[in-house]
């Protein structure tokens, strides 16, 4: 006995799902290519300035921030084009969330070192940034329970992660806390730069760090803001992975 014919609404739903899946896959490929290109664009300067220096904790953070993200992207490309069974996909989808947690620890550590150095090792400034950073990490850890695999129609290929139905507040809070942390960190940087300017103190390093920091702030703030709006307003779960990829570009603005 043959299956009943699909209604026009069913056909449109499948076409929409196929379009979103198509966009997600090619966006992942384009983003990976962009990150690899960005890495090799300054590779010669990286070898001179970083590779030949002594190993320190900061150097280790740099290398993780620089190259682990590429590995995560390659893994995502494999997953998004995989034919894994549902059980395997459900085990995989927790990986992007855990990696994002580790990534935020690395990025947060770098930003705290920036502010700590700018304020002459001020314990008060460190306490402020560390408190906000700790809250951010706890919230991100809380949001991991909201991750699941998107159920794809029969014949569709890929393993894509998104937030579970009814758990949007966890994901939104996670992105919001990332916005809060970077706003605090760069707010302190700008405050320091303005204070030095009022005192007519020339500090080229502070100027450079402030300019670079504002560029990073613009990129990551925009990415996280779009993610917050996505989870607040968009109901199509297939688009979640598309916008989550945008935020992964942020570590490269930090280096």
C-alpha atoms as a PDB file:
ATOM      1  CA  UNK A   1       0.000   0.000   0.000  1.00  0.00           C
ATOM      2  CA  UNK A   2       1.515   3.285  -1.111  1.00  0.00           C
ATOM      3  CA  UNK A   3       1.884   6.258   1.208  1.00  0.00           C
ATOM      4  CA  UNK A   4      -0.680   9.054   0.891  1.00  0.00           C
ATOM      5  CA  UNK A   5       0.428  12.017  -1.234  1.00  0.00           C
ATOM      6  CA  UNK A   6       1.994  14.961   0.559  1.00  0.00           C
ATOM      7  CA  UNK A   7      -0.005  18.112   1.014  1.00  0.00           C
ATOM      8  CA  UNK A   8       1.322  21.455  -0.296  1.00  0.00           C
ATOM      9  CA  UNK A   9       2.082  22.487   3.295  1.00  0.00           C
ATOM     10  CA  UNK A  10       4.188  19.360   3.826  1.00  0.00           C
ATOM     11  CA  UNK A  11       6.082  20.004   0.598  1.00  0.00           C
ATOM     12  CA  UNK A  12       6.811  23.612   1.621  1.00  0.00           C
ATOM     13  CA  UNK A  13       7.996  22.462   5.046  1.00  0.00           C
ATOM     14  CA  UNK A  14      10.426  19.962   3.514  1.00  0.00           C
ATOM     15  CA  UNK A  15      11.685  22.538   1.010  1.00  0.00           C
ATOM     16  CA  UNK A  16      12.257  25.050   3.820  1.00  0.00           C
ATOM     17  CA  UNK A  17      14.130  22.468   5.892  1.00  0.00           C
ATOM     18  CA  UNK A  18      16.285  21.538   2.899  1.00  0.00           C
ATOM     19  CA  UNK A  19      17.094  25.198   2.273  1.00  0.00           C
ATOM     20  CA  UNK A  20      18.117  25.797   5.904  1.00  0.00           C
ATOM     21  CA  UNK A  21      20.267  22.668   5.919  1.00  0.00           C
ATOM     22  CA  UNK A  22      21.893  23.734   2.655  1.00  0.00           C
ATOM     23  CA  UNK A  23      22.672  27.192   4.054  1.00  0.00           C
ATOM     24  CA  UNK A  24      24.097  25.766   7.290  1.00  0.00           C
ATOM     25  CA  UNK A  25      26.435  23.379   5.468  1.00  0.00           C
ATOM     26  CA  UNK A  26      27.835  25.958   3.079  1.00  0.00           C
ATOM     27  CA  UNK A  27      28.127  28.559   5.810  1.00  0.00           C
ATOM     28  CA  UNK A  28      30.166  26.107   7.888  1.00  0.00           C
ATOM     29  CA  UNK A  29      32.442  25.453   4.916  1.00  0.00           C
ATOM     30  CA  UNK A  30      32.865  29.159   4.136  1.00  0.00           C
ATOM     31  CA  UNK A  31      33.546  30.039   7.784  1.00  0.00           C
ATOM     32  CA  UNK A  32      36.184  27.310   8.064  1.00  0.00           C
ATOM     33  CA  UNK A  33      37.899  28.514   4.900  1.00  0.00           C
ATOM     34  CA  UNK A  34      37.871  32.078   6.229  1.00  0.00           C
ATOM     35  CA  UNK A  35      39.431  31.070   9.560  1.00  0.00           C
ATOM     36  CA  UNK A  36      42.155  29.006   7.897  1.00  0.00           C
ATOM     37  CA  UNK A  37      42.904  31.899   5.534  1.00  0.00           C
ATOM     38  CA  UNK A  38      43.048  34.339   8.453  1.00  0.00           C
ATOM     39  CA  UNK A  39      45.440  32.052  10.318  1.00  0.00           C
ATOM     40  CA  UNK A  40      47.905  31.743   7.472  1.00  0.00           C
ATOM     41  CA  UNK A  41      47.613  35.428   6.596  1.00  0.00           C
ATOM     42  CA  UNK A  42      49.747  36.324   9.622  1.00  0.00           C
ATOM     43  CA  UNK A  43      51.533  32.990  10.012  1.00  0.00           C
ATOM     44  CA  UNK A  44      55.015  34.409   9.289  1.00  0.00           C
ATOM     45  CA  UNK A  45      54.653  37.062  12.002  1.00  0.00           C
ATOM     46  CA  UNK A  46      53.278  34.455  14.375  1.00  0.00           C
ATOM     47  CA  UNK A  47      56.372  32.285  13.903  1.00  0.00           C
ATOM     48  CA  UNK A  48      58.689  35.222  14.624  1.00  0.00           C
ATOM     49  CA  UNK A  49      56.791  36.616  17.599  1.00  0.00           C
ATOM     50  CA  UNK A  50      55.274  33.538  19.230  1.00  0.00           C
ATOM     51  CA  UNK A  51      56.870  30.287  18.114  1.00  0.00           C
ATOM     52  CA  UNK A  52      60.418  31.366  18.983  1.00  0.00           C
ATOM     53  CA  UNK A  53      59.517  32.641  22.441  1.00  0.00           C
ATOM     54  CA  UNK A  54      59.686  30.590  25.621  1.00  0.00           C
ATOM     55  CA  UNK A  55      56.713  28.484  26.617  1.00  0.00           C
ATOM     56  CA  UNK A  56      54.413  30.186  29.110  1.00  0.00           C
ATOM     57  CA  UNK A  57      50.778  29.844  30.143  1.00  0.00           C
ATOM     58  CA  UNK A  58      49.916  32.816  27.919  1.00  0.00           C
ATOM     59  CA  UNK A  59      51.588  31.162  24.931  1.00  0.00           C
ATOM     60  CA  UNK A  60      49.583  27.992  25.556  1.00  0.00           C
ATOM     61  CA  UNK A  61      46.369  30.035  25.667  1.00  0.00           C
ATOM     62  CA  UNK A  62      47.346  31.695  22.396  1.00  0.00           C
ATOM     63  CA  UNK A  63      47.895  28.399  20.587  1.00  0.00           C
ATOM     64  CA  UNK A  64      44.656  26.919  21.878  1.00  0.00           C
ATOM     65  CA  UNK A  65      42.729  30.016  20.871  1.00  0.00           C
ATOM     66  CA  UNK A  66      44.440  30.016  17.496  1.00  0.00           C
ATOM     67  CA  UNK A  67      44.226  26.395  16.384  1.00  0.00           C
ATOM     68  CA  UNK A  68      41.736  24.437  18.490  1.00  0.00           C
ATOM     69  CA  UNK A  69      38.898  26.372  16.889  1.00  0.00           C
ATOM     70  CA  UNK A  70      39.956  25.174  13.438  1.00  0.00           C
ATOM     71  CA  UNK A  71      39.846  21.597  14.697  1.00  0.00           C
ATOM     72  CA  UNK A  72      36.360  22.186  16.083  1.00  0.00           C
ATOM     73  CA  UNK A  73      35.238  23.630  12.759  1.00  0.00           C
ATOM     74  CA  UNK A  74      36.566  20.635  10.829  1.00  0.00           C
ATOM     75  CA  UNK A  75      34.735  18.341  13.242  1.00  0.00           C
ATOM     76  CA  UNK A  76      31.542  20.339  12.703  1.00  0.00           C
ATOM     77  CA  UNK A  77      31.869  20.017   8.931  1.00  0.00           C
ATOM     78  CA  UNK A  78      32.245  16.247   9.284  1.00  0.00           C
ATOM     79  CA  UNK A  79      29.207  16.108  11.568  1.00  0.00           C
ATOM     80  CA  UNK A  80      26.993  18.333   9.463  1.00  0.00           C
ATOM     81  CA  UNK A  81      27.629  16.105   6.429  1.00  0.00           C
ATOM     82  CA  UNK A  82      27.526  12.789   8.298  1.00  0.00           C
ATOM     83  CA  UNK A  83      25.087   9.885   8.088  1.00  0.00           C
ATOM     84  CA  UNK A  84      25.477   9.050  11.775  1.00  0.00           C
ATOM     85  CA  UNK A  85      22.592   7.281  13.499  1.00  0.00           C
ATOM     86  CA  UNK A  86      20.483   9.310  15.917  1.00  0.00           C
ATOM     87  CA  UNK A  87      22.235   7.906  19.005  1.00  0.00           C
ATOM     88  CA  UNK A  88      25.687   8.875  17.708  1.00  0.00           C
ATOM     89  CA  UNK A  89      24.462  12.342  16.793  1.00  0.00           C
ATOM     90  CA  UNK A  90      23.011  12.866  20.274  1.00  0.00           C
ATOM     91  CA  UNK A  91      26.374  11.954  21.783  1.00  0.00           C
ATOM     92  CA  UNK A  92      28.194  14.354  19.452  1.00  0.00           C
ATOM     93  CA  UNK A  93      26.036  17.462  19.905  1.00  0.00           C
ATOM     94  CA  UNK A  94      27.276  17.980  23.456  1.00  0.00           C
ATOM     95  CA  UNK A  95      30.791  18.528  22.042  1.00  0.00           C
ATOM     96  CA  UNK A  96      30.171  22.027  20.558  1.00  0.00           C
ATOM     97  CA  UNK A  97      28.748  23.181  23.881  1.00  0.00           C
ATOM     98  CA  UNK A  98      31.651  21.811  25.919  1.00  0.00           C
ATOM     99  CA  UNK A  99      34.143  23.262  23.450  1.00  0.00           C
ATOM    100  CA  UNK A 100      32.436  26.651  23.677  1.00  0.00           C
ATOM    101  CA  UNK A 101      32.734  26.456  27.469  1.00  0.00           C
ATOM    102  CA  UNK A 102      36.477  25.742  27.249  1.00  0.00           C
ATOM    103  CA  UNK A 103      36.837  28.424  24.592  1.00  0.00           C
ATOM    104  CA  UNK A 104      35.181  31.031  26.794  1.00  0.00           C
ATOM    105  CA  UNK A 105      37.512  30.094  29.658  1.00  0.00           C
ATOM    106  CA  UNK A 106      40.497  30.737  27.373  1.00  0.00           C
ATOM    107  CA  UNK A 107      39.124  33.991  25.952  1.00  0.00           C
ATOM    108  CA  UNK A 108      38.070  35.184  29.396  1.00  0.00           C
ATOM    109  CA  UNK A 109      41.522  34.441  30.790  1.00  0.00           C
ATOM    110  CA  UNK A 110      43.139  36.493  28.030  1.00  0.00           C
ATOM    111  CA  UNK A 111      40.792  39.434  28.585  1.00  0.00           C
ATOM    112  CA  UNK A 112      41.324  39.326  32.348  1.00  0.00           C
ATOM    113  CA  UNK A 113      45.085  39.392  31.788  1.00  0.00           C
ATOM    114  CA  UNK A 114      44.611  42.451  29.539  1.00  0.00           C
ATOM    115  CA  UNK A 115      42.675  44.383  32.159  1.00  0.00           C
ATOM    116  CA  UNK A 116      44.889  43.165  35.014  1.00  0.00           C
ATOM    117  CA  UNK A 117      47.977  44.468  33.200  1.00  0.00           C
ATOM    118  CA  UNK A 118      46.341  47.761  32.187  1.00  0.00           C
ATOM    119  CA  UNK A 119      45.413  48.561  35.789  1.00  0.00           C
ATOM    120  CA  UNK A 120      48.869  47.764  37.183  1.00  0.00           C
ATOM    121  CA  UNK A 121      47.794  44.453  38.726  1.00  0.00           C
ATOM    122  CA  UNK A 122      44.871  45.983  40.560  1.00  0.00           C
ATOM    123  CA  UNK A 123      43.239  43.360  42.780  1.00  0.00           C
ATOM    124  CA  UNK A 124      39.961  45.270  42.701  1.00  0.00           C
ATOM    125  CA  UNK A 125      39.789  45.199  38.901  1.00  0.00           C
ATOM    126  CA  UNK A 126      40.735  41.526  38.876  1.00  0.00           C
ATOM    127  CA  UNK A 127      38.018  40.749  41.433  1.00  0.00           C
ATOM    128  CA  UNK A 128      35.409  42.528  39.290  1.00  0.00           C
ATOM    129  CA  UNK A 129      36.345  40.802  36.036  1.00  0.00           C
ATOM    130  CA  UNK A 130      36.809  37.404  37.683  1.00  0.00           C
ATOM    131  CA  UNK A 131      33.396  37.564  39.387  1.00  0.00           C
ATOM    132  CA  UNK A 132      31.589  38.380  36.140  1.00  0.00           C
ATOM    133  CA  UNK A 133      33.675  35.764  34.319  1.00  0.00           C
ATOM    134  CA  UNK A 134      32.802  33.091  36.892  1.00  0.00           C
ATOM    135  CA  UNK A 135      29.077  33.839  36.598  1.00  0.00           C
ATOM    136  CA  UNK A 136      29.394  33.606  32.810  1.00  0.00           C
ATOM    137  CA  UNK A 137      31.052  30.169  32.982  1.00  0.00           C
ATOM    138  CA  UNK A 138      28.434  28.855  35.427  1.00  0.00           C
ATOM    139  CA  UNK A 139      25.622  30.043  33.136  1.00  0.00           C
ATOM    140  CA  UNK A 140      27.261  28.470  30.070  1.00  0.00           C
ATOM    141  CA  UNK A 141      27.605  25.196  31.974  1.00  0.00           C
ATOM    142  CA  UNK A 142      23.924  25.438  32.922  1.00  0.00           C
ATOM    143  CA  UNK A 143      22.990  25.925  29.264  1.00  0.00           C
ATOM    144  CA  UNK A 144      24.694  22.670  28.190  1.00  0.00           C
ATOM    145  CA  UNK A 145      21.636  20.729  29.306  1.00  0.00           C
ATOM    146  CA  UNK A 146      19.586  22.524  26.656  1.00  0.00           C
ATOM    147  CA  UNK A 147      21.545  21.126  23.698  1.00  0.00           C
ATOM    148  CA  UNK A 148      20.035  18.439  21.495  1.00  0.00           C
ATOM    149  CA  UNK A 149      20.205  17.175  17.910  1.00  0.00           C
ATOM    150  CA  UNK A 150      17.820  18.609  15.324  1.00  0.00           C
ATOM    151  CA  UNK A 151      15.497  15.841  14.049  1.00  0.00           C
ATOM    152  CA  UNK A 152      15.877  15.874  10.271  1.00  0.00           C
ATOM    153  CA  UNK A 153      13.329  14.484   7.789  1.00  0.00           C
ATOM    154  CA  UNK A 154      13.993  11.106   6.193  1.00  0.00           C
ATOM    155  CA  UNK A 155      16.583  11.396   3.435  1.00  0.00           C
ATOM    156  CA  UNK A 156      18.303  14.457   4.935  1.00  0.00           C
ATOM    157  CA  UNK A 157      21.975  14.069   5.839  1.00  0.00           C
ATOM    158  CA  UNK A 158      23.674  15.777   8.762  1.00  0.00           C
ATOM    159  CA  UNK A 159      24.034  16.030  12.529  1.00  0.00           C
ATOM    160  CA  UNK A 160      23.095  19.522  13.717  1.00  0.00           C
ATOM    161  CA  UNK A 161      22.787  20.807  17.266  1.00  0.00           C
ATOM    162  CA  UNK A 162      20.252  23.281  18.610  1.00  0.00           C
ATOM    163  CA  UNK A 163      18.424  24.161  21.813  1.00  0.00           C
ATOM    164  CA  UNK A 164      15.713  21.883  23.162  1.00  0.00           C
ATOM    165  CA  UNK A 165      12.146  23.115  22.949  1.00  0.00           C
ATOM    166  CA  UNK A 166      11.263  25.144  26.015  1.00  0.00           C
ATOM    167  CA  UNK A 167      14.873  25.736  27.107  1.00  0.00           C
ATOM    168  CA  UNK A 168      15.465  28.961  25.196  1.00  0.00           C
ATOM    169  CA  UNK A 169      16.012  30.927  28.411  1.00  0.00           C
ATOM    170  CA  UNK A 170      19.164  28.903  29.113  1.00  0.00           C
ATOM    171  CA  UNK A 171      20.681  29.598  25.720  1.00  0.00           C
ATOM    172  CA  UNK A 172      19.665  33.258  25.760  1.00  0.00           C
ATOM    173  CA  UNK A 173      21.123  33.767  29.229  1.00  0.00           C
ATOM    174  CA  UNK A 174      24.374  32.158  28.077  1.00  0.00           C
ATOM    175  CA  UNK A 175      24.769  34.618  25.203  1.00  0.00           C
ATOM    176  CA  UNK A 176      23.693  37.548  27.386  1.00  0.00           C
ATOM    177  CA  UNK A 177      26.334  36.738  30.016  1.00  0.00           C
ATOM    178  CA  UNK A 178      29.001  36.666  27.300  1.00  0.00           C
ATOM    179  CA  UNK A 179      27.837  40.141  26.278  1.00  0.00           C
ATOM    180  CA  UNK A 180      27.994  41.314  29.895  1.00  0.00           C
ATOM    181  CA  UNK A 181      31.524  39.998  30.448  1.00  0.00           C
ATOM    182  CA  UNK A 182      33.073  41.549  27.354  1.00  0.00           C
ATOM    183  CA  UNK A 183      31.206  44.799  28.045  1.00  0.00           C
ATOM    184  CA  UNK A 184      32.743  44.952  31.532  1.00  0.00           C
ATOM    185  CA  UNK A 185      36.240  44.063  30.274  1.00  0.00           C
ATOM    186  CA  UNK A 186      36.281  46.596  27.453  1.00  0.00           C
ATOM    187  CA  UNK A 187      34.476  49.195  29.511  1.00  0.00           C
ATOM    188  CA  UNK A 188      37.402  49.050  31.938  1.00  0.00           C
ATOM    189  CA  UNK A 189      39.876  49.326  29.049  1.00  0.00           C
ATOM    190  CA  UNK A 190      38.154  52.413  27.669  1.00  0.00           C
ATOM    191  CA  UNK A 191      37.952  53.959  31.140  1.00  0.00           C
ATOM    192  CA  UNK A 192      41.692  53.460  31.571  1.00  0.00           C
ATOM    193  CA  UNK A 193      42.452  55.003  28.180  1.00  0.00           C
ATOM    194  CA  UNK A 194      40.269  58.048  28.933  1.00  0.00           C
ATOM    195  CA  UNK A 195      41.854  58.470  32.376  1.00  0.00           C
ATOM    196  CA  UNK A 196      45.364  58.440  30.921  1.00  0.00           C
ATOM    197  CA  UNK A 197      44.365  60.918  28.224  1.00  0.00           C
ATOM    198  CA  UNK A 198      42.938  63.329  30.804  1.00  0.00           C
ATOM    199  CA  UNK A 199      46.185  63.107  32.752  1.00  0.00           C
ATOM    200  CA  UNK A 200      48.075  63.754  29.479  1.00  0.00           C
ATOM    201  CA  UNK A 201      49.990  60.506  29.843  1.00  0.00           C
ATOM    202  CA  UNK A 202      51.296  59.015  26.603  1.00  0.00           C
ATOM    203  CA  UNK A 203      50.733  55.257  26.592  1.00  0.00           C
ATOM    204  CA  UNK A 204      51.036  53.826  23.054  1.00  0.00           C
ATOM    205  CA  UNK A 205      50.495  50.252  24.275  1.00  0.00           C
ATOM    206  CA  UNK A 206      47.231  51.194  25.974  1.00  0.00           C
ATOM    207  CA  UNK A 207      46.099  52.979  22.803  1.00  0.00           C
ATOM    208  CA  UNK A 208      46.838  49.919  20.675  1.00  0.00           C
ATOM    209  CA  UNK A 209      45.107  47.561  23.096  1.00  0.00           C
ATOM    210  CA  UNK A 210      42.077  49.838  23.256  1.00  0.00           C
ATOM    211  CA  UNK A 211      41.758  50.092  19.464  1.00  0.00           C
ATOM    212  CA  UNK A 212      42.175  46.336  18.985  1.00  0.00           C
ATOM    213  CA  UNK A 213      39.820  45.722  21.878  1.00  0.00           C
ATOM    214  CA  UNK A 214      37.099  47.870  20.349  1.00  0.00           C
ATOM    215  CA  UNK A 215      37.357  45.915  17.088  1.00  0.00           C
ATOM    216  CA  UNK A 216      37.010  42.634  18.953  1.00  0.00           C
ATOM    217  CA  UNK A 217      34.180  44.046  21.049  1.00  0.00           C
ATOM    218  CA  UNK A 218      32.286  45.071  17.912  1.00  0.00           C
ATOM    219  CA  UNK A 219      32.607  41.623  16.324  1.00  0.00           C
ATOM    220  CA  UNK A 220      31.721  39.536  19.370  1.00  0.00           C
ATOM    221  CA  UNK A 221      28.957  41.885  20.553  1.00  0.00           C
ATOM    222  CA  UNK A 222      27.284  41.787  17.141  1.00  0.00           C
ATOM    223  CA  UNK A 223      27.590  37.990  16.916  1.00  0.00           C
ATOM    224  CA  UNK A 224      26.182  37.374  20.383  1.00  0.00           C
ATOM    225  CA  UNK A 225      23.438  39.969  19.926  1.00  0.00           C
ATOM    226  CA  UNK A 226      22.315  38.241  16.725  1.00  0.00           C
ATOM    227  CA  UNK A 227      22.269  34.929  18.589  1.00  0.00           C
ATOM    228  CA  UNK A 228      20.118  36.401  21.356  1.00  0.00           C
ATOM    229  CA  UNK A 229      17.677  37.805  18.793  1.00  0.00           C
ATOM    230  CA  UNK A 230      17.648  34.468  16.963  1.00  0.00           C
ATOM    231  CA  UNK A 231      16.651  32.495  20.035  1.00  0.00           C
ATOM    232  CA  UNK A 232      14.145  35.169  21.051  1.00  0.00           C
ATOM    233  CA  UNK A 233      12.364  35.717  17.755  1.00  0.00           C
ATOM    234  CA  UNK A 234      13.090  32.892  15.291  1.00  0.00           C
ATOM    235  CA  UNK A 235      11.143  29.673  15.693  1.00  0.00           C
ATOM    236  CA  UNK A 236      12.898  27.613  13.019  1.00  0.00           C
ATOM    237  CA  UNK A 237      15.328  25.368  14.912  1.00  0.00           C
ATOM    238  CA  UNK A 238      17.399  24.584  11.850  1.00  0.00           C
ATOM    239  CA  UNK A 239      18.650  28.168  11.839  1.00  0.00           C
ATOM    240  CA  UNK A 240      20.207  27.827  15.296  1.00  0.00           C
ATOM    241  CA  UNK A 241      23.335  26.095  14.043  1.00  0.00           C
ATOM    242  CA  UNK A 242      23.735  28.691  11.313  1.00  0.00           C
ATOM    243  CA  UNK A 243      23.925  31.554  13.793  1.00  0.00           C
ATOM    244  CA  UNK A 244      25.906  29.600  16.388  1.00  0.00           C
ATOM    245  CA  UNK A 245      28.695  29.322  13.835  1.00  0.00           C
ATOM    246  CA  UNK A 246      28.900  33.117  13.649  1.00  0.00           C
ATOM    247  CA  UNK A 247      29.889  33.406  17.283  1.00  0.00           C
ATOM    248  CA  UNK A 248      32.764  30.960  16.781  1.00  0.00           C
ATOM    249  CA  UNK A 249      34.529  33.571  14.692  1.00  0.00           C
ATOM    250  CA  UNK A 250      35.016  35.699  17.805  1.00  0.00           C
ATOM    251  CA  UNK A 251      38.223  34.041  19.109  1.00  0.00           C
ATOM    252  CA  UNK A 252      40.065  35.082  15.959  1.00  0.00           C
ATOM    253  CA  UNK A 253      39.288  38.723  16.625  1.00  0.00           C
ATOM    254  CA  UNK A 254      40.911  38.228  20.021  1.00  0.00           C
ATOM    255  CA  UNK A 255      44.243  37.223  18.485  1.00  0.00           C
END
